[in-house]
Amino acid sequence: MYRFPPYKKMVLSLPFWALIILHFGNLWGLFFLMTAGPNFMSSVLGFNLGHTGILAALPYLARLIFGFLFGLLGDFITKKRMDEKNHDKEEFRLDM
């Protein structure tokens, strides 16, 4: 039988809101640097626009590569500990 998740309890919990605020701050800083970085490098530091474009693409490339690698690592850990299901839930709780 399917049971609905306790949405009301989740939304009213302090750790949930702490996670929301921290996630927002993390992504805001990351995307601010990704969007304002090229302008800063070209106008303030005086980099060539061609070099600025290459440097501006590096964070996106790093996110792609590390996202793929950490996905593989998560799959490896999950397969390695298939018989210990409680450990998987504890290890990947913040990987939403």
C-alpha atoms as a PDB file:
ATOM      1  CA  MET A   1       0.000   0.000   0.000  1.00  0.00           C
ATOM      2  CA  TYR A   2       1.336   3.425  -0.967  1.00  0.00           C
ATOM      3  CA  ARG A   3       1.657   6.074   1.728  1.00  0.00           C
ATOM      4  CA  PHE A   4       2.152   9.739   0.964  1.00  0.00           C
ATOM      5  CA  PRO A   5       5.321  11.393   2.283  1.00  0.00           C
ATOM      6  CA  PRO A   6       4.774  13.641   5.324  1.00  0.00           C
ATOM      7  CA  TYR A   7       4.902  16.888   3.346  1.00  0.00           C
ATOM      8  CA  LYS A   8       3.528  19.060   6.150  1.00  0.00           C
ATOM      9  CA  LYS A   9       6.086  17.749   8.635  1.00  0.00           C
ATOM     10  CA  MET A  10       8.873  18.221   6.087  1.00  0.00           C
ATOM     11  CA  VAL A  11       7.927  21.812   5.234  1.00  0.00           C
ATOM     12  CA  LEU A  12       7.645  22.775   8.902  1.00  0.00           C
ATOM     13  CA  SER A  13      11.010  21.293   9.890  1.00  0.00           C
ATOM     14  CA  LEU A  14      13.997  23.525  10.602  1.00  0.00           C
ATOM     15  CA  PRO A  15      16.581  21.299   8.824  1.00  0.00           C
ATOM     16  CA  PHE A  16      14.484  21.466   5.641  1.00  0.00           C
ATOM     17  CA  TRP A  17      14.562  25.271   5.629  1.00  0.00           C
ATOM     18  CA  ALA A  18      18.258  25.330   6.500  1.00  0.00           C
ATOM     19  CA  LEU A  19      18.897  23.093   3.499  1.00  0.00           C
ATOM     20  CA  ILE A  20      16.777  25.332   1.240  1.00  0.00           C
ATOM     21  CA  ILE A  21      18.614  28.485   2.350  1.00  0.00           C
ATOM     22  CA  LEU A  22      22.067  26.922   2.068  1.00  0.00           C
ATOM     23  CA  HIS A  23      21.290  25.460  -1.349  1.00  0.00           C
ATOM     24  CA  PHE A  24      19.989  28.814  -2.596  1.00  0.00           C
ATOM     25  CA  GLY A  25      23.087  30.635  -1.325  1.00  0.00           C
ATOM     26  CA  ASN A  26      25.419  28.076  -2.843  1.00  0.00           C
ATOM     27  CA  LEU A  27      23.802  28.175  -6.269  1.00  0.00           C
ATOM     28  CA  TRP A  28      23.383  31.950  -6.226  1.00  0.00           C
ATOM     29  CA  GLY A  29      27.099  32.416  -5.603  1.00  0.00           C
ATOM     30  CA  LEU A  30      28.039  29.810  -8.186  1.00  0.00           C
ATOM     31  CA  PHE A  31      25.861  31.201 -10.962  1.00  0.00           C
ATOM     32  CA  PHE A  32      26.758  34.799 -10.099  1.00  0.00           C
ATOM     33  CA  LEU A  33      30.426  33.989 -10.592  1.00  0.00           C
ATOM     34  CA  MET A  34      29.666  32.083 -13.782  1.00  0.00           C
ATOM     35  CA  THR A  35      27.702  34.946 -15.308  1.00  0.00           C
ATOM     36  CA  ALA A  36      29.638  37.936 -13.942  1.00  0.00           C
ATOM     37  CA  GLY A  37      33.066  36.295 -14.218  1.00  0.00           C
ATOM     38  CA  PRO A  38      33.599  36.821 -17.956  1.00  0.00           C
ATOM     39  CA  ASN A  39      32.594  40.486 -17.745  1.00  0.00           C
ATOM     40  CA  PHE A  40      34.940  41.027 -14.796  1.00  0.00           C
ATOM     41  CA  MET A  41      37.824  39.261 -16.523  1.00  0.00           C
ATOM     42  CA  SER A  42      37.471  41.289 -19.710  1.00  0.00           C
ATOM     43  CA  SER A  43      36.654  44.741 -18.310  1.00  0.00           C
ATOM     44  CA  VAL A  44      38.597  44.843 -15.023  1.00  0.00           C
ATOM     45  CA  LEU A  45      41.462  42.416 -15.592  1.00  0.00           C
ATOM     46  CA  GLY A  46      41.812  43.281 -19.279  1.00  0.00           C
ATOM     47  CA  PHE A  47      41.772  39.724 -20.634  1.00  0.00           C
ATOM     48  CA  ASN A  48      41.166  39.106 -24.318  1.00  0.00           C
ATOM     49  CA  LEU A  49      37.552  38.142 -25.071  1.00  0.00           C
ATOM     50  CA  GLY A  50      38.699  34.862 -26.631  1.00  0.00           C
ATOM     51  CA  HIS A  51      40.568  33.866 -23.478  1.00  0.00           C
ATOM     52  CA  THR A  52      37.701  35.091 -21.339  1.00  0.00           C
ATOM     53  CA  GLY A  53      35.281  32.791 -23.150  1.00  0.00           C
ATOM     54  CA  ILE A  54      37.513  29.779 -22.612  1.00  0.00           C
ATOM     55  CA  LEU A  55      37.998  30.610 -18.930  1.00  0.00           C
ATOM     56  CA  ALA A  56      34.267  31.232 -18.486  1.00  0.00           C
ATOM     57  CA  ALA A  57      33.496  27.768 -19.859  1.00  0.00           C
ATOM     58  CA  LEU A  58      35.735  26.000 -17.322  1.00  0.00           C
ATOM     59  CA  PRO A  59      33.222  25.983 -14.400  1.00  0.00           C
ATOM     60  CA  TYR A  60      30.544  24.449 -16.629  1.00  0.00           C
ATOM     61  CA  LEU A  61      32.998  21.848 -17.880  1.00  0.00           C
ATOM     62  CA  ALA A  62      34.093  21.064 -14.318  1.00  0.00           C
ATOM     63  CA  ARG A  63      30.455  20.628 -13.223  1.00  0.00           C
ATOM     64  CA  LEU A  64      29.867  18.235 -16.112  1.00  0.00           C
ATOM     65  CA  ILE A  65      32.962  16.151 -15.426  1.00  0.00           C
ATOM     66  CA  PHE A  66      32.590  16.015 -11.641  1.00  0.00           C
ATOM     67  CA  GLY A  67      28.840  15.343 -11.871  1.00  0.00           C
ATOM     68  CA  PHE A  68      29.574  12.342 -14.064  1.00  0.00           C
ATOM     69  CA  LEU A  69      32.412  11.113 -11.831  1.00  0.00           C
ATOM     70  CA  PHE A  70      30.433  11.465  -8.599  1.00  0.00           C
ATOM     71  CA  GLY A  71      27.495   9.694 -10.248  1.00  0.00           C
ATOM     72  CA  LEU A  72      29.774   6.774 -11.067  1.00  0.00           C
ATOM     73  CA  LEU A  73      31.142   6.837  -7.520  1.00  0.00           C
ATOM     74  CA  GLY A  74      27.617   6.779  -6.097  1.00  0.00           C
ATOM     75  CA  ASP A  75      26.685   3.829  -8.294  1.00  0.00           C
ATOM     76  CA  PHE A  76      29.835   1.994  -7.222  1.00  0.00           C
ATOM     77  CA  ILE A  77      29.128   2.561  -3.519  1.00  0.00           C
ATOM     78  CA  THR A  78      25.494   1.531  -3.940  1.00  0.00           C
ATOM     79  CA  LYS A  79      26.416  -1.712  -5.716  1.00  0.00           C
ATOM     80  CA  LYS A  80      29.165  -2.472  -3.209  1.00  0.00           C
ATOM     81  CA  ARG A  81      26.809  -2.195  -0.247  1.00  0.00           C
ATOM     82  CA  MET A  82      23.705  -3.716  -1.778  1.00  0.00           C
ATOM     83  CA  ASP A  83      23.002  -5.825   1.285  1.00  0.00           C
ATOM     84  CA  GLU A  84      23.224  -2.874   3.724  1.00  0.00           C
ATOM     85  CA  LYS A  85      20.273  -0.742   2.597  1.00  0.00           C
ATOM     86  CA  ASN A  86      20.260   1.507   5.669  1.00  0.00           C
ATOM     87  CA  HIS A  87      23.781   2.733   4.926  1.00  0.00           C
ATOM     88  CA  ASP A  88      22.766   3.839   1.425  1.00  0.00           C
ATOM     89  CA  LYS A  89      20.005   6.029   2.817  1.00  0.00           C
ATOM     90  CA  GLU A  90      22.349   7.620   5.340  1.00  0.00           C
ATOM     91  CA  GLU A  91      25.170   8.254   2.863  1.00  0.00           C
ATOM     92  CA  PHE A  92      23.035   9.810   0.113  1.00  0.00           C
ATOM     93  CA  ARG A  93      20.622  11.802   2.254  1.00  0.00           C
ATOM     94  CA  LEU A  94      22.028  15.172   1.102  1.00  0.00           C
ATOM     95  CA  ASP A  95      22.389  14.082  -2.528  1.00  0.00           C
ATOM     96  CA  MET A  96      18.959  15.355  -3.584  1.00  0.00           C
END
